[in-house]
Amino acid sequence: MALVRWAVIALQQAERHNSGAEPSLELALTAHVVPELEAEILIMTGDNP
């Protein structure tokens, strides 16, 4: 569940940047970890391709 929680947080931070509410390179770059987190979640749940 920790990976799911972190993925949600990363998406929320990216949205804060994308909406213009808080322009920040750090928030924008946080979104780049989401695909890796998704892949790890799939591996852990046994749904990997």
PDB file of N, CA and C in Angstrom:
ATOM      1  N   MET A   1       0.813  -1.197   0.000  1.00  0.00           N
ATOM      2  CA  MET A   1       0.000   0.000   0.000  1.00  0.00           C
ATOM      3  C   MET A   1       0.859   1.265   0.000  1.00  0.00           C
ATOM      4  N   ALA A   2       2.073   1.151   0.477  1.00  0.00           N
ATOM      5  CA  ALA A   2       2.937   2.338   0.512  1.00  0.00           C
ATOM      6  C   ALA A   2       3.230   2.849  -0.896  1.00  0.00           C
ATOM      7  N   LEU A   3       3.408   1.929  -1.846  1.00  0.00           N
ATOM      8  CA  LEU A   3       3.660   2.350  -3.231  1.00  0.00           C
ATOM      9  C   LEU A   3       2.434   3.033  -3.823  1.00  0.00           C
ATOM     10  N   VAL A   4       1.262   2.522  -3.529  1.00  0.00           N
ATOM     11  CA  VAL A   4       0.025   3.137  -4.024  1.00  0.00           C
ATOM     12  C   VAL A   4      -0.108   4.544  -3.436  1.00  0.00           C
ATOM     13  N   ARG A   5       0.157   4.658  -2.150  1.00  0.00           N
ATOM     14  CA  ARG A   5       0.072   5.966  -1.485  1.00  0.00           C
ATOM     15  C   ARG A   5       1.053   6.948  -2.119  1.00  0.00           C
ATOM     16  N   TRP A   6       2.283   6.529  -2.355  1.00  0.00           N
ATOM     17  CA  TRP A   6       3.279   7.406  -2.948  1.00  0.00           C
ATOM     18  C   TRP A   6       2.888   7.793  -4.374  1.00  0.00           C
ATOM     19  N   ALA A   7       2.310   6.855  -5.137  1.00  0.00           N
ATOM     20  CA  ALA A   7       1.871   7.167  -6.501  1.00  0.00           C
ATOM     21  C   ALA A   7       0.783   8.245  -6.479  1.00  0.00           C
ATOM     22  N   VAL A   8      -0.144   8.134  -5.554  1.00  0.00           N
ATOM     23  CA  VAL A   8      -1.207   9.138  -5.439  1.00  0.00           C
ATOM     24  C   VAL A   8      -0.614  10.494  -5.068  1.00  0.00           C
ATOM     25  N   ILE A   9       0.311  10.503  -4.126  1.00  0.00           N
ATOM     26  CA  ILE A   9       0.957  11.758  -3.727  1.00  0.00           C
ATOM     27  C   ILE A   9       1.699  12.373  -4.908  1.00  0.00           C
ATOM     28  N   ALA A  10       2.414  11.556  -5.668  1.00  0.00           N
ATOM     29  CA  ALA A  10       3.161  12.058  -6.823  1.00  0.00           C
ATOM     30  C   ALA A  10       2.220  12.667  -7.853  1.00  0.00           C
ATOM     31  N   LEU A  11       1.084  12.032  -8.085  1.00  0.00           N
ATOM     32  CA  LEU A  11       0.107  12.577  -9.032  1.00  0.00           C
ATOM     33  C   LEU A  11      -0.479  13.893  -8.523  1.00  0.00           C
ATOM     34  N   GLN A  12      -0.746  13.975  -7.244  1.00  0.00           N
ATOM     35  CA  GLN A  12      -1.281  15.210  -6.667  1.00  0.00           C
ATOM     36  C   GLN A  12      -0.265  16.342  -6.764  1.00  0.00           C
ATOM     37  N   GLN A  13       0.988  16.046  -6.521  1.00  0.00           N
ATOM     38  CA  GLN A  13       2.022  17.076  -6.618  1.00  0.00           C
ATOM     39  C   GLN A  13       2.174  17.545  -8.061  1.00  0.00           C
ATOM     40  N   ALA A  14       2.134  16.630  -8.995  1.00  0.00           N
ATOM     41  CA  ALA A  14       2.232  17.006 -10.400  1.00  0.00           C
ATOM     42  C   ALA A  14       1.042  17.876 -10.798  1.00  0.00           C
ATOM     43  N   GLU A  15      -0.125  17.564 -10.305  1.00  0.00           N
ATOM     44  CA  GLU A  15      -1.319  18.355 -10.617  1.00  0.00           C
ATOM     45  C   GLU A  15      -1.203  19.770 -10.054  1.00  0.00           C
ATOM     46  N   ARG A  16      -0.604  19.902  -8.868  1.00  0.00           N
ATOM     47  CA  ARG A  16      -0.387  21.242  -8.301  1.00  0.00           C
ATOM     48  C   ARG A  16       0.468  22.078  -9.237  1.00  0.00           C
ATOM     49  N   HIS A  17       1.470  21.466  -9.838  1.00  0.00           N
ATOM     50  CA  HIS A  17       2.321  22.183 -10.785  1.00  0.00           C
ATOM     51  C   HIS A  17       1.569  22.463 -12.083  1.00  0.00           C
ATOM     52  N   ASN A  18       0.927  21.436 -12.634  1.00  0.00           N
ATOM     53  CA  ASN A  18       0.251  21.576 -13.929  1.00  0.00           C
ATOM     54  C   ASN A  18      -0.899  22.565 -13.900  1.00  0.00           C
ATOM     55  N   SER A  19      -1.576  22.692 -12.777  1.00  0.00           N
ATOM     56  CA  SER A  19      -2.705  23.613 -12.674  1.00  0.00           C
ATOM     57  C   SER A  19      -2.246  25.064 -12.566  1.00  0.00           C
ATOM     58  N   GLY A  20      -0.978  25.259 -12.272  1.00  0.00           N
ATOM     59  CA  GLY A  20      -0.452  26.603 -12.111  1.00  0.00           C
ATOM     60  C   GLY A  20      -0.573  27.118 -10.686  1.00  0.00           C
ATOM     61  N   ALA A  21      -1.158  26.317  -9.808  1.00  0.00           N
ATOM     62  CA  ALA A  21      -1.331  26.727  -8.417  1.00  0.00           C
ATOM     63  C   ALA A  21       0.018  26.918  -7.728  1.00  0.00           C
ATOM     64  N   GLU A  22       0.983  26.083  -8.089  1.00  0.00           N
ATOM     65  CA  GLU A  22       2.305  26.167  -7.459  1.00  0.00           C
ATOM     66  C   GLU A  22       3.367  25.726  -8.469  1.00  0.00           C
ATOM     67  N   PRO A  23       3.770  26.611  -9.368  1.00  0.00           N
ATOM     68  CA  PRO A  23       4.779  26.246 -10.353  1.00  0.00           C
ATOM     69  C   PRO A  23       6.092  25.853  -9.660  1.00  0.00           C
ATOM     70  N   SER A  24       6.549  24.657  -9.955  1.00  0.00           N
ATOM     71  CA  SER A  24       7.761  24.174  -9.303  1.00  0.00           C
ATOM     72  C   SER A  24       8.357  23.043 -10.122  1.00  0.00           C
ATOM     73  N   LEU A  25       9.630  23.144 -10.392  1.00  0.00           N
ATOM     74  CA  LEU A  25      10.315  22.078 -11.117  1.00  0.00           C
ATOM     75  C   LEU A  25      10.273  20.781 -10.319  1.00  0.00           C
ATOM     76  N   GLU A  26      10.440  20.870  -9.015  1.00  0.00           N
ATOM     77  CA  GLU A  26      10.417  19.680  -8.166  1.00  0.00           C
ATOM     78  C   GLU A  26       9.068  18.960  -8.261  1.00  0.00           C
ATOM     79  N   LEU A  27       7.979  19.718  -8.224  1.00  0.00           N
ATOM     80  CA  LEU A  27       6.652  19.102  -8.344  1.00  0.00           C
ATOM     81  C   LEU A  27       6.470  18.479  -9.727  1.00  0.00           C
ATOM     82  N   ALA A  28       6.944  19.159 -10.749  1.00  0.00           N
ATOM     83  CA  ALA A  28       6.822  18.637 -12.106  1.00  0.00           C
ATOM     84  C   ALA A  28       7.605  17.335 -12.267  1.00  0.00           C
ATOM     85  N   LEU A  29       8.796  17.280 -11.715  1.00  0.00           N
ATOM     86  CA  LEU A  29       9.625  16.082 -11.848  1.00  0.00           C
ATOM     87  C   LEU A  29       9.090  14.909 -11.037  1.00  0.00           C
ATOM     88  N   THR A  30       8.334  15.187 -10.004  1.00  0.00           N
ATOM     89  CA  THR A  30       7.763  14.117  -9.187  1.00  0.00           C
ATOM     90  C   THR A  30       6.865  13.215 -10.022  1.00  0.00           C
ATOM     91  N   ALA A  31       6.214  13.775 -11.017  1.00  0.00           N
ATOM     92  CA  ALA A  31       5.317  12.988 -11.872  1.00  0.00           C
ATOM     93  C   ALA A  31       6.072  11.903 -12.644  1.00  0.00           C
ATOM     94  N   HIS A  32       7.360  12.087 -12.832  1.00  0.00           N
ATOM     95  CA  HIS A  32       8.134  11.118 -13.618  1.00  0.00           C
ATOM     96  C   HIS A  32       8.372   9.797 -12.894  1.00  0.00           C
ATOM     97  N   VAL A  33       8.108   9.737 -11.613  1.00  0.00           N
ATOM     98  CA  VAL A  33       8.268   8.477 -10.892  1.00  0.00           C
ATOM     99  C   VAL A  33       7.009   7.616 -10.948  1.00  0.00           C
ATOM    100  N   VAL A  34       5.901   8.197 -11.398  1.00  0.00           N
ATOM    101  CA  VAL A  34       4.627   7.470 -11.398  1.00  0.00           C
ATOM    102  C   VAL A  34       4.678   6.197 -12.253  1.00  0.00           C
ATOM    103  N   PRO A  35       5.178   6.221 -13.485  1.00  0.00           N
ATOM    104  CA  PRO A  35       5.225   4.980 -14.259  1.00  0.00           C
ATOM    105  C   PRO A  35       6.037   3.865 -13.588  1.00  0.00           C
ATOM    106  N   GLU A  36       7.137   4.246 -12.956  1.00  0.00           N
ATOM    107  CA  GLU A  36       7.956   3.255 -12.253  1.00  0.00           C
ATOM    108  C   GLU A  36       7.177   2.661 -11.071  1.00  0.00           C
ATOM    109  N   LEU A  37       6.464   3.516 -10.355  1.00  0.00           N
ATOM    110  CA  LEU A  37       5.656   3.038  -9.233  1.00  0.00           C
ATOM    111  C   LEU A  37       4.542   2.115  -9.718  1.00  0.00           C
ATOM    112  N   GLU A  38       3.901   2.493 -10.828  1.00  0.00           N
ATOM    113  CA  GLU A  38       2.842   1.647 -11.392  1.00  0.00           C
ATOM    114  C   GLU A  38       3.387   0.272 -11.765  1.00  0.00           C
ATOM    115  N   ALA A  39       4.552   0.251 -12.392  1.00  0.00           N
ATOM    116  CA  ALA A  39       5.156  -1.020 -12.790  1.00  0.00           C
ATOM    117  C   ALA A  39       5.463  -1.879 -11.569  1.00  0.00           C
ATOM    118  N   GLU A  40       6.003  -1.264 -10.532  1.00  0.00           N
ATOM    119  CA  GLU A  40       6.331  -2.003  -9.310  1.00  0.00           C
ATOM    120  C   GLU A  40       5.069  -2.557  -8.648  1.00  0.00           C
ATOM    121  N   ILE A  41       4.005  -1.770  -8.648  1.00  0.00           N
ATOM    122  CA  ILE A  41       2.735  -2.239  -8.080  1.00  0.00           C
ATOM    123  C   ILE A  41       2.212  -3.438  -8.859  1.00  0.00           C
ATOM    124  N   LEU A  42       2.295  -3.371 -10.182  1.00  0.00           N
ATOM    125  CA  LEU A  42       1.854  -4.503 -11.008  1.00  0.00           C
ATOM    126  C   LEU A  42       2.682  -5.753 -10.735  1.00  0.00           C
ATOM    127  N   ILE A  43       3.979  -5.588 -10.579  1.00  0.00           N
ATOM    128  CA  ILE A  43       4.843  -6.736 -10.285  1.00  0.00           C
ATOM    129  C   ILE A  43       4.472  -7.341  -8.937  1.00  0.00           C
ATOM    130  N   MET A  44       4.256  -6.479  -7.948  1.00  0.00           N
ATOM    131  CA  MET A  44       3.949  -6.975  -6.615  1.00  0.00           C
ATOM    132  C   MET A  44       2.585  -7.668  -6.530  1.00  0.00           C
ATOM    133  N   THR A  45       1.651  -7.247  -7.382  1.00  0.00           N
ATOM    134  CA  THR A  45       0.322  -7.866  -7.361  1.00  0.00           C
ATOM    135  C   THR A  45       0.222  -9.060  -8.309  1.00  0.00           C
ATOM    136  N   GLY A  46       1.287  -9.327  -9.059  1.00  0.00           N
ATOM    137  CA  GLY A  46       1.287 -10.473  -9.954  1.00  0.00           C
ATOM    138  C   GLY A  46       0.626 -10.215 -11.285  1.00  0.00           C
ATOM    139  N   ASP A  47       0.374  -8.940 -11.605  1.00  0.00           N
ATOM    140  CA  ASP A  47      -0.272  -8.591 -12.877  1.00  0.00           C
ATOM    141  C   ASP A  47       0.724  -8.073 -13.901  1.00  0.00           C
ATOM    142  N   ASN A  48       1.974  -8.462 -13.769  1.00  0.00           N
ATOM    143  CA  ASN A  48       2.978  -7.969 -14.709  1.00  0.00           C
ATOM    144  C   ASN A  48       2.840  -8.686 -16.054  1.00  0.00           C
ATOM    145  N   PRO A  49       3.142  -7.933 -17.121  1.00  0.00           N
ATOM    146  CA  PRO A  49       3.011  -8.504 -18.477  1.00  0.00           C
ATOM    147  C   PRO A  49       4.059  -9.538 -18.791  1.00  0.00           C
TER     148      PRO A  49
END
